[in-house]
């Protein structure tokens, strides 16, 4: 089953905390998951200031700068993984280096019924 591991961190503190991971550590972890056949995709995101939010209401499109919600932690990246069980997905998430300074939200991917 596919699971999306969403990486959240306080953007201003992400690289300044003693346990903050370097990009090379995150890349090494992603590479090890890929070697095991468990990584489907993964990317880091640019700062939240580069985000835009799109809404469509009554046929009218509105685009605003920034994220949809004001939060203490911002979405910093993601890992899309393949895991046999939720416990395995949680184990993978616990190994994601930014978990030491932020949080990882783990959600099963829902297959859409397109038929």
N, C-alpha and C. Protein backbone atom coordinates (compact mmCIF):
# COMPACT_ATOMS: atom_id res chain seq x y z
N UNK A 1 0.85 -1.17 0.00
CA UNK A 1 0.00 0.00 0.00
C UNK A 1 0.89 1.23 0.00
N UNK A 2 0.42 2.29 -0.63
CA UNK A 2 1.16 3.55 -0.65
C UNK A 2 0.80 4.41 0.55
N UNK A 3 1.81 5.06 1.10
CA UNK A 3 1.64 6.00 2.21
C UNK A 3 2.38 7.28 1.87
N UNK A 4 1.77 8.41 2.20
CA UNK A 4 2.42 9.70 2.03
C UNK A 4 2.90 10.18 3.39
N UNK A 5 4.20 10.42 3.47
CA UNK A 5 4.81 10.93 4.70
C UNK A 5 5.10 12.42 4.47
N UNK A 6 4.31 13.26 5.11
CA UNK A 6 4.44 14.70 4.97
C UNK A 6 5.35 15.24 6.06
N UNK A 7 6.39 15.94 5.65
CA UNK A 7 7.40 16.45 6.58
C UNK A 7 7.04 17.89 6.97
N UNK A 8 6.81 18.11 8.26
CA UNK A 8 6.50 19.44 8.77
C UNK A 8 7.60 19.90 9.72
N UNK A 9 7.99 21.15 9.57
CA UNK A 9 8.99 21.75 10.44
C UNK A 9 8.70 23.23 10.60
N UNK A 10 9.19 23.79 11.68
CA UNK A 10 9.12 25.23 11.84
C UNK A 10 10.22 25.81 10.94
N UNK A 11 9.80 26.41 9.86
CA UNK A 11 10.72 26.82 8.80
C UNK A 11 11.88 27.68 9.29
N UNK A 12 11.60 28.61 10.18
CA UNK A 12 12.65 29.52 10.65
C UNK A 12 13.72 28.80 11.47
N UNK A 13 13.36 27.67 12.07
CA UNK A 13 14.31 26.96 12.93
C UNK A 13 14.87 25.70 12.29
N UNK A 14 14.38 25.36 11.11
CA UNK A 14 14.70 24.06 10.52
C UNK A 14 16.19 23.76 10.47
N UNK A 15 17.00 24.69 10.04
CA UNK A 15 18.43 24.42 9.87
C UNK A 15 19.29 24.95 11.02
N UNK A 16 18.67 25.47 12.06
CA UNK A 16 19.46 26.06 13.14
C UNK A 16 19.45 25.25 14.43
N UNK A 17 18.66 24.21 14.51
CA UNK A 17 18.60 23.41 15.74
C UNK A 17 19.74 22.40 15.77
N UNK A 18 20.21 22.03 16.95
CA UNK A 18 21.33 21.09 17.05
C UNK A 18 21.09 19.76 16.33
N UNK A 19 19.85 19.26 16.33
CA UNK A 19 19.54 17.98 15.68
C UNK A 19 19.07 18.13 14.24
N UNK A 20 19.15 19.35 13.69
CA UNK A 20 18.69 19.56 12.32
C UNK A 20 19.51 18.72 11.34
N UNK A 21 18.83 18.01 10.45
CA UNK A 21 19.56 17.19 9.48
C UNK A 21 20.07 18.04 8.31
N UNK A 22 21.17 17.63 7.75
CA UNK A 22 21.69 18.25 6.53
C UNK A 22 20.97 17.62 5.34
N UNK A 23 20.95 18.33 4.23
CA UNK A 23 20.32 17.79 3.03
C UNK A 23 20.93 16.45 2.63
N UNK A 24 22.22 16.30 2.85
CA UNK A 24 22.90 15.06 2.47
C UNK A 24 22.37 13.87 3.28
N UNK A 25 22.02 14.10 4.55
CA UNK A 25 21.47 13.03 5.37
C UNK A 25 20.09 12.62 4.86
N UNK A 26 19.27 13.60 4.49
CA UNK A 26 17.94 13.31 3.95
C UNK A 26 18.07 12.55 2.63
N UNK A 27 19.02 12.97 1.79
CA UNK A 27 19.24 12.30 0.52
C UNK A 27 19.69 10.86 0.73
N UNK A 28 20.57 10.65 1.70
CA UNK A 28 21.06 9.29 1.98
C UNK A 28 19.91 8.39 2.45
N UNK A 29 19.01 8.94 3.29
CA UNK A 29 17.89 8.13 3.76
C UNK A 29 16.96 7.79 2.60
N UNK A 30 16.66 8.78 1.75
CA UNK A 30 15.80 8.54 0.59
C UNK A 30 16.45 7.50 -0.34
N UNK A 31 17.75 7.59 -0.52
CA UNK A 31 18.46 6.62 -1.36
C UNK A 31 18.36 5.22 -0.80
N UNK A 32 18.45 5.09 0.53
CA UNK A 32 18.34 3.76 1.13
C UNK A 32 16.94 3.19 0.97
N UNK A 33 15.92 4.04 1.06
CA UNK A 33 14.54 3.58 0.82
C UNK A 33 14.36 3.17 -0.64
N UNK A 34 14.96 3.93 -1.55
CA UNK A 34 14.87 3.60 -2.97
C UNK A 34 15.55 2.27 -3.26
N UNK A 35 16.71 2.05 -2.66
CA UNK A 35 17.43 0.80 -2.85
C UNK A 35 16.60 -0.38 -2.37
N UNK A 36 15.84 -0.20 -1.28
CA UNK A 36 14.98 -1.25 -0.74
C UNK A 36 13.68 -1.40 -1.53
N UNK A 37 13.45 -0.51 -2.51
CA UNK A 37 12.22 -0.56 -3.30
C UNK A 37 11.02 0.01 -2.59
N UNK A 38 11.25 0.81 -1.53
CA UNK A 38 10.13 1.35 -0.76
C UNK A 38 9.84 2.82 -1.06
N UNK A 39 10.74 3.52 -1.75
CA UNK A 39 10.51 4.93 -2.07
C UNK A 39 9.93 5.04 -3.47
N UNK A 40 8.77 5.66 -3.58
CA UNK A 40 8.14 5.90 -4.87
C UNK A 40 8.55 7.29 -5.38
N UNK A 41 8.51 8.27 -4.48
CA UNK A 41 8.91 9.64 -4.83
C UNK A 41 9.19 10.39 -3.53
N UNK A 42 9.96 11.43 -3.63
CA UNK A 42 10.23 12.28 -2.48
C UNK A 42 10.89 13.56 -2.94
N UNK A 43 10.50 14.65 -2.34
CA UNK A 43 11.06 15.94 -2.71
C UNK A 43 11.02 16.89 -1.51
N UNK A 44 11.96 17.80 -1.49
CA UNK A 44 11.92 18.92 -0.55
C UNK A 44 11.22 20.08 -1.25
N UNK A 45 10.57 20.93 -0.49
CA UNK A 45 9.86 22.06 -1.05
C UNK A 45 10.60 23.36 -0.76
N UNK A 46 10.39 24.35 -1.63
CA UNK A 46 10.93 25.69 -1.37
C UNK A 46 10.20 26.28 -0.17
N UNK A 47 10.70 27.41 0.32
CA UNK A 47 10.11 28.05 1.50
C UNK A 47 8.64 28.38 1.27
N UNK A 48 7.90 28.44 2.35
CA UNK A 48 6.46 28.66 2.31
C UNK A 48 6.13 30.01 1.67
N UNK A 49 7.04 30.96 1.71
CA UNK A 49 6.80 32.27 1.09
C UNK A 49 6.64 32.16 -0.42
N UNK A 50 7.08 31.06 -1.03
CA UNK A 50 6.94 30.88 -2.47
C UNK A 50 5.62 30.22 -2.85
N UNK A 51 4.83 29.84 -1.87
CA UNK A 51 3.57 29.13 -2.13
C UNK A 51 2.48 30.07 -2.62
N UNK A 52 1.56 29.50 -3.37
CA UNK A 52 0.33 30.18 -3.76
C UNK A 52 -0.83 29.25 -3.44
N UNK A 53 -1.96 29.82 -3.08
CA UNK A 53 -3.14 29.03 -2.78
C UNK A 53 -4.23 29.40 -3.79
N UNK A 54 -4.82 28.39 -4.41
CA UNK A 54 -5.86 28.59 -5.41
C UNK A 54 -7.20 28.11 -4.84
N UNK A 55 -8.21 28.94 -5.00
CA UNK A 55 -9.57 28.58 -4.59
C UNK A 55 -10.51 28.87 -5.75
N UNK A 56 -11.50 28.01 -5.93
CA UNK A 56 -12.54 28.24 -6.92
C UNK A 56 -13.87 28.24 -6.18
N UNK A 57 -14.57 29.35 -6.24
CA UNK A 57 -15.86 29.49 -5.58
C UNK A 57 -16.85 30.08 -6.59
N UNK A 58 -17.95 29.37 -6.80
CA UNK A 58 -18.97 29.82 -7.74
C UNK A 58 -18.38 30.17 -9.10
N UNK A 59 -17.43 29.36 -9.56
CA UNK A 59 -16.82 29.55 -10.87
C UNK A 59 -15.76 30.63 -10.93
N UNK A 60 -15.49 31.29 -9.84
CA UNK A 60 -14.49 32.36 -9.80
C UNK A 60 -13.21 31.85 -9.15
N UNK A 61 -12.08 32.07 -9.82
CA UNK A 61 -10.78 31.62 -9.32
C UNK A 61 -10.09 32.76 -8.58
N UNK A 62 -9.62 32.44 -7.37
CA UNK A 62 -8.85 33.39 -6.57
C UNK A 62 -7.51 32.77 -6.25
N UNK A 63 -6.44 33.51 -6.49
CA UNK A 63 -5.09 33.05 -6.16
C UNK A 63 -4.52 34.02 -5.13
N UNK A 64 -4.05 33.46 -4.01
CA UNK A 64 -3.43 34.29 -2.98
C UNK A 64 -2.03 33.79 -2.72
N UNK A 65 -1.17 34.70 -2.30
CA UNK A 65 0.20 34.32 -1.96
C UNK A 65 0.22 33.62 -0.62
N UNK A 66 1.12 32.66 -0.50
CA UNK A 66 1.33 31.98 0.77
C UNK A 66 0.47 30.74 0.92
N UNK A 67 0.64 30.08 2.05
CA UNK A 67 -0.10 28.84 2.31
C UNK A 67 -1.54 29.13 2.67
N UNK A 68 -2.35 28.08 2.65
CA UNK A 68 -3.77 28.21 2.97
C UNK A 68 -4.00 28.60 4.42
N UNK A 69 -3.23 28.02 5.33
CA UNK A 69 -3.46 28.24 6.76
C UNK A 69 -2.20 28.75 7.44
N UNK A 70 -2.38 29.57 8.44
CA UNK A 70 -1.27 30.02 9.28
C UNK A 70 -1.02 28.94 10.32
N UNK A 71 0.18 28.41 10.34
CA UNK A 71 0.52 27.36 11.29
C UNK A 71 1.92 27.59 11.82
N UNK A 72 2.23 26.96 12.94
CA UNK A 72 3.58 27.06 13.50
C UNK A 72 4.57 26.28 12.64
N UNK A 73 4.15 25.11 12.17
CA UNK A 73 5.00 24.29 11.32
C UNK A 73 4.49 24.34 9.88
N UNK A 74 5.43 24.33 8.94
CA UNK A 74 5.08 24.38 7.54
C UNK A 74 5.47 23.07 6.85
N UNK A 75 4.78 22.77 5.76
CA UNK A 75 5.10 21.60 4.96
C UNK A 75 6.44 21.84 4.28
N UNK A 76 7.40 20.98 4.56
CA UNK A 76 8.76 21.15 4.05
C UNK A 76 9.09 20.18 2.93
N UNK A 77 8.36 19.07 2.84
CA UNK A 77 8.64 18.07 1.81
C UNK A 77 7.80 16.84 2.04
N UNK A 78 8.08 15.82 1.24
CA UNK A 78 7.30 14.59 1.36
C UNK A 78 8.10 13.40 0.88
N UNK A 79 7.68 12.24 1.36
CA UNK A 79 8.15 10.95 0.89
C UNK A 79 6.91 10.14 0.57
N UNK A 80 6.80 9.63 -0.64
CA UNK A 80 5.73 8.72 -1.01
C UNK A 80 6.35 7.34 -0.99
N UNK A 81 5.86 6.48 -0.09
CA UNK A 81 6.51 5.19 0.12
C UNK A 81 5.53 4.04 -0.08
N UNK A 82 6.10 2.88 -0.30
CA UNK A 82 5.34 1.64 -0.38
C UNK A 82 5.64 0.86 0.90
N UNK A 83 4.59 0.45 1.61
CA UNK A 83 4.77 -0.30 2.85
C UNK A 83 3.68 -1.36 2.93
N UNK A 84 4.02 -2.51 3.48
CA UNK A 84 3.07 -3.61 3.60
C UNK A 84 1.99 -3.31 4.64
N UNK A 85 2.36 -2.56 5.69
CA UNK A 85 1.43 -2.27 6.77
C UNK A 85 1.62 -0.83 7.23
N UNK A 86 0.65 -0.34 7.99
CA UNK A 86 0.80 1.00 8.56
C UNK A 86 1.97 1.04 9.53
N UNK A 87 2.19 -0.03 10.28
CA UNK A 87 3.33 -0.07 11.20
C UNK A 87 4.65 0.10 10.45
N UNK A 88 4.76 -0.53 9.27
CA UNK A 88 5.97 -0.37 8.48
C UNK A 88 6.10 1.07 7.99
N UNK A 89 4.99 1.69 7.58
CA UNK A 89 5.02 3.09 7.15
C UNK A 89 5.44 4.00 8.29
N UNK A 90 4.97 3.72 9.50
CA UNK A 90 5.35 4.52 10.67
C UNK A 90 6.84 4.33 10.99
N UNK A 91 7.34 3.13 10.80
CA UNK A 91 8.77 2.87 11.00
C UNK A 91 9.60 3.66 9.99
N UNK A 92 9.16 3.68 8.74
CA UNK A 92 9.85 4.47 7.72
C UNK A 92 9.83 5.94 8.12
N UNK A 93 8.67 6.44 8.54
CA UNK A 93 8.53 7.85 8.93
C UNK A 93 9.45 8.21 10.09
N UNK A 94 9.59 7.29 11.04
CA UNK A 94 10.46 7.55 12.19
C UNK A 94 11.92 7.70 11.78
N UNK A 95 12.28 7.12 10.64
CA UNK A 95 13.65 7.22 10.16
C UNK A 95 13.92 8.48 9.34
N UNK A 96 12.89 9.21 8.96
CA UNK A 96 13.07 10.43 8.17
C UNK A 96 13.79 11.45 9.05
N UNK A 97 14.98 11.90 8.64
CA UNK A 97 15.80 12.75 9.51
C UNK A 97 15.10 13.98 10.10
N UNK A 98 14.27 14.72 9.36
CA UNK A 98 13.63 15.89 9.97
C UNK A 98 12.63 15.57 11.09
N UNK A 99 12.31 14.29 11.29
CA UNK A 99 11.43 13.93 12.40
C UNK A 99 12.05 14.33 13.74
N UNK A 100 13.38 14.48 13.76
CA UNK A 100 14.06 14.86 15.01
C UNK A 100 13.76 16.30 15.42
N UNK A 101 13.36 17.15 14.48
CA UNK A 101 13.14 18.56 14.80
C UNK A 101 11.75 19.04 14.40
N UNK A 102 10.94 18.16 13.85
CA UNK A 102 9.60 18.53 13.42
C UNK A 102 8.67 17.35 13.59
N UNK A 103 7.81 17.15 12.62
CA UNK A 103 6.88 16.02 12.69
C UNK A 103 6.66 15.46 11.29
N UNK A 104 6.26 14.21 11.25
CA UNK A 104 5.95 13.52 10.00
C UNK A 104 4.51 13.04 10.08
N UNK A 105 3.67 13.52 9.21
CA UNK A 105 2.29 13.05 9.14
C UNK A 105 2.25 11.90 8.14
N UNK A 106 1.71 10.76 8.55
CA UNK A 106 1.66 9.58 7.70
C UNK A 106 0.20 9.30 7.34
N UNK A 107 -0.06 9.26 6.04
CA UNK A 107 -1.43 9.02 5.59
C UNK A 107 -1.45 8.00 4.47
N UNK A 108 -2.36 7.02 4.56
CA UNK A 108 -2.50 6.07 3.45
C UNK A 108 -3.05 6.81 2.23
N UNK A 109 -2.58 6.40 1.06
CA UNK A 109 -3.05 6.98 -0.18
C UNK A 109 -4.32 6.22 -0.60
N UNK A 110 -5.35 6.96 -0.88
CA UNK A 110 -6.64 6.38 -1.27
C UNK A 110 -6.68 6.22 -2.78
N UNK A 111 -6.96 5.01 -3.24
CA UNK A 111 -7.09 4.77 -4.66
C UNK A 111 -8.42 5.35 -5.14
N UNK A 112 -8.38 6.12 -6.19
CA UNK A 112 -9.60 6.70 -6.74
C UNK A 112 -10.31 5.69 -7.63
N UNK A 113 -11.63 5.65 -7.54
CA UNK A 113 -12.44 4.80 -8.40
C UNK A 113 -12.75 5.58 -9.66
N UNK A 114 -11.96 5.36 -10.71
CA UNK A 114 -12.10 6.11 -11.94
C UNK A 114 -12.93 5.38 -12.98
N UNK A 115 -13.47 4.24 -12.59
CA UNK A 115 -14.22 3.43 -13.55
C UNK A 115 -15.62 3.84 -13.60
